[in-house]
Amino acid sequence: SDPAAYVRALAGAGEAAELTAAGGLGDFDWLVHGVGVPVDRVLPPSAGHRPPGAGAVADSGP
């Protein structure tokens, strides 16, 4: 057995989990700023994110 290799693998798995976990270091949102073209003409609206003044998101539940 190789204890040092085990510790390295465990550390790597922990780092990967931290970067991919919701709320972890890899959890972020993009900020998009249109220059010369309205952003809504280029990107579809994303769920839960509305531009300021866009109003409330309609509830599509049952």
N, C-alpha and C. Protein backbone atom coordinates (compact mmCIF):
# COMPACT_ATOMS: atom_id res chain seq x y z
N SER A 1 0.84 -1.18 0.00
CA SER A 1 0.00 0.00 0.00
C SER A 1 0.88 1.24 0.00
N ASP A 2 0.30 2.35 -0.46
CA ASP A 2 1.05 3.61 -0.57
C ASP A 2 0.25 4.71 0.13
N PRO A 3 0.48 4.93 1.43
CA PRO A 3 -0.29 5.94 2.17
C PRO A 3 -0.19 7.34 1.58
N ALA A 4 0.98 7.72 1.09
CA ALA A 4 1.14 9.06 0.52
C ALA A 4 0.28 9.23 -0.73
N ALA A 5 0.22 8.21 -1.57
CA ALA A 5 -0.63 8.28 -2.77
C ALA A 5 -2.10 8.38 -2.39
N TYR A 6 -2.48 7.66 -1.34
CA TYR A 6 -3.87 7.71 -0.87
C TYR A 6 -4.22 9.12 -0.40
N VAL A 7 -3.32 9.74 0.36
CA VAL A 7 -3.57 11.09 0.86
C VAL A 7 -3.65 12.08 -0.30
N ARG A 8 -2.78 11.94 -1.30
CA ARG A 8 -2.83 12.83 -2.47
C ARG A 8 -4.15 12.66 -3.22
N ALA A 9 -4.58 11.43 -3.41
CA ALA A 9 -5.85 11.17 -4.11
C ALA A 9 -7.02 11.73 -3.32
N LEU A 10 -6.98 11.57 -2.01
CA LEU A 10 -8.06 12.09 -1.16
C LEU A 10 -8.11 13.61 -1.22
N ALA A 11 -6.95 14.25 -1.19
CA ALA A 11 -6.90 15.72 -1.28
C ALA A 11 -7.43 16.19 -2.63
N GLY A 12 -7.06 15.50 -3.71
CA GLY A 12 -7.55 15.87 -5.04
C GLY A 12 -9.05 15.73 -5.14
N ALA A 13 -9.59 14.67 -4.56
CA ALA A 13 -11.05 14.47 -4.59
C ALA A 13 -11.75 15.57 -3.79
N GLY A 14 -11.17 15.96 -2.67
CA GLY A 14 -11.76 17.03 -1.86
C GLY A 14 -11.76 18.36 -2.59
N GLU A 15 -10.66 18.65 -3.29
CA GLU A 15 -10.58 19.89 -4.07
C GLU A 15 -11.60 19.89 -5.20
N ALA A 16 -11.73 18.78 -5.90
CA ALA A 16 -12.70 18.69 -6.98
C ALA A 16 -14.12 18.86 -6.46
N ALA A 17 -14.42 18.26 -5.32
CA ALA A 17 -15.75 18.38 -4.73
C ALA A 17 -16.03 19.82 -4.33
N GLU A 18 -15.04 20.51 -3.79
CA GLU A 18 -15.22 21.89 -3.37
C GLU A 18 -15.48 22.80 -4.56
N LEU A 19 -14.84 22.52 -5.69
CA LEU A 19 -15.02 23.35 -6.88
C LEU A 19 -16.34 23.08 -7.60
N THR A 20 -16.89 21.89 -7.46
CA THR A 20 -18.12 21.55 -8.18
C THR A 20 -19.37 21.60 -7.31
N ALA A 21 -19.23 21.74 -6.01
CA ALA A 21 -20.39 21.75 -5.12
C ALA A 21 -21.15 23.06 -5.24
N ALA A 22 -22.47 22.97 -5.18
CA ALA A 22 -23.29 24.18 -5.13
C ALA A 22 -22.91 24.96 -3.88
N GLY A 23 -22.62 26.24 -4.05
CA GLY A 23 -22.18 27.06 -2.93
C GLY A 23 -20.70 26.97 -2.67
N GLY A 24 -19.98 26.14 -3.42
CA GLY A 24 -18.53 26.00 -3.25
C GLY A 24 -17.78 27.08 -4.02
N LEU A 25 -16.48 26.91 -4.13
CA LEU A 25 -15.65 27.91 -4.79
C LEU A 25 -15.95 28.04 -6.28
N GLY A 26 -16.48 27.00 -6.89
CA GLY A 26 -16.78 27.06 -8.31
C GLY A 26 -18.19 27.53 -8.62
N ASP A 27 -18.95 27.91 -7.61
CA ASP A 27 -20.33 28.36 -7.79
C ASP A 27 -20.32 29.87 -8.06
N PHE A 28 -20.70 30.27 -9.25
CA PHE A 28 -20.70 31.68 -9.60
C PHE A 28 -21.74 31.95 -10.67
N ASP A 29 -22.04 33.18 -10.90
CA ASP A 29 -22.93 33.62 -11.97
C ASP A 29 -22.12 34.50 -12.91
N TRP A 30 -22.55 34.56 -14.15
CA TRP A 30 -21.92 35.44 -15.12
C TRP A 30 -22.62 36.78 -15.11
N LEU A 31 -21.87 37.84 -15.27
CA LEU A 31 -22.42 39.18 -15.44
C LEU A 31 -22.28 39.50 -16.92
N VAL A 32 -23.41 39.80 -17.56
CA VAL A 32 -23.39 40.11 -18.99
C VAL A 32 -23.81 41.56 -19.16
N HIS A 33 -23.02 42.30 -19.90
CA HIS A 33 -23.31 43.70 -20.18
C HIS A 33 -23.27 43.88 -21.69
N GLY A 34 -24.41 44.23 -22.26
CA GLY A 34 -24.47 44.42 -23.70
C GLY A 34 -23.86 45.74 -24.13
N VAL A 35 -23.10 45.73 -25.20
CA VAL A 35 -22.52 46.94 -25.76
C VAL A 35 -22.95 47.01 -27.21
N GLY A 36 -23.85 47.92 -27.51
CA GLY A 36 -24.32 48.09 -28.87
C GLY A 36 -25.44 47.15 -29.27
N VAL A 37 -25.82 46.23 -28.42
CA VAL A 37 -26.92 45.31 -28.70
C VAL A 37 -27.56 44.93 -27.37
N PRO A 38 -28.89 44.90 -27.31
CA PRO A 38 -29.55 44.49 -26.07
C PRO A 38 -29.22 43.02 -25.75
N VAL A 39 -28.88 42.76 -24.52
CA VAL A 39 -28.50 41.40 -24.11
C VAL A 39 -29.62 40.41 -24.37
N ASP A 40 -30.89 40.81 -24.18
CA ASP A 40 -32.00 39.88 -24.36
C ASP A 40 -32.18 39.45 -25.82
N ARG A 41 -31.55 40.14 -26.76
CA ARG A 41 -31.59 39.70 -28.16
C ARG A 41 -30.55 38.64 -28.45
N VAL A 42 -29.56 38.50 -27.59
CA VAL A 42 -28.46 37.57 -27.80
C VAL A 42 -28.58 36.34 -26.91
N LEU A 43 -28.97 36.54 -25.66
CA LEU A 43 -29.06 35.44 -24.70
C LEU A 43 -30.50 35.22 -24.27
N PRO A 44 -30.91 33.97 -24.12
CA PRO A 44 -32.26 33.71 -23.61
C PRO A 44 -32.33 34.06 -22.13
N PRO A 45 -33.52 34.37 -21.63
CA PRO A 45 -33.63 34.64 -20.19
C PRO A 45 -33.29 33.39 -19.40
N SER A 46 -32.62 33.56 -18.29
CA SER A 46 -32.30 32.39 -17.48
C SER A 46 -33.27 32.31 -16.31
N ALA A 47 -33.58 31.10 -15.91
CA ALA A 47 -34.57 30.86 -14.86
C ALA A 47 -34.14 31.53 -13.57
N GLY A 48 -35.05 32.30 -13.00
CA GLY A 48 -34.79 32.91 -11.71
C GLY A 48 -34.04 34.23 -11.76
N HIS A 49 -33.52 34.62 -12.91
CA HIS A 49 -32.79 35.87 -13.01
C HIS A 49 -33.55 36.79 -13.95
N ARG A 50 -33.95 37.92 -13.43
CA ARG A 50 -34.70 38.89 -14.22
C ARG A 50 -33.97 40.21 -14.19
N PRO A 51 -33.95 40.93 -15.30
CA PRO A 51 -33.33 42.25 -15.29
C PRO A 51 -34.12 43.20 -14.38
N PRO A 52 -33.46 44.21 -13.84
CA PRO A 52 -34.16 45.17 -12.99
C PRO A 52 -35.35 45.77 -13.73
N GLY A 53 -36.48 45.88 -13.06
CA GLY A 53 -37.68 46.45 -13.65
C GLY A 53 -38.46 45.51 -14.53
N ALA A 54 -38.06 44.24 -14.62
CA ALA A 54 -38.74 43.28 -15.49
C ALA A 54 -40.01 42.73 -14.87
N GLY A 55 -40.21 42.95 -13.60
CA GLY A 55 -41.41 42.44 -12.95
C GLY A 55 -41.18 41.05 -12.40
N ALA A 56 -42.21 40.52 -11.78
CA ALA A 56 -42.12 39.20 -11.14
C ALA A 56 -42.18 38.09 -12.18
N VAL A 57 -41.58 36.98 -11.85
CA VAL A 57 -41.65 35.79 -12.69
C VAL A 57 -42.95 35.07 -12.39
N ALA A 58 -43.71 34.74 -13.43
CA ALA A 58 -45.00 34.07 -13.25
C ALA A 58 -44.79 32.66 -12.72
N ASP A 59 -45.65 32.24 -11.83
CA ASP A 59 -45.59 30.88 -11.28
C ASP A 59 -46.25 29.94 -12.27
N SER A 60 -45.50 28.93 -12.73
CA SER A 60 -46.06 27.98 -13.69
C SER A 60 -46.42 26.66 -13.03
N GLY A 61 -46.54 26.67 -11.71
CA GLY A 61 -46.85 25.44 -10.96
C GLY A 61 -48.29 25.00 -11.15
N PRO A 62 -48.62 23.82 -10.62
CA PRO A 62 -49.98 23.28 -10.80
C PRO A 62 -51.03 24.07 -10.09
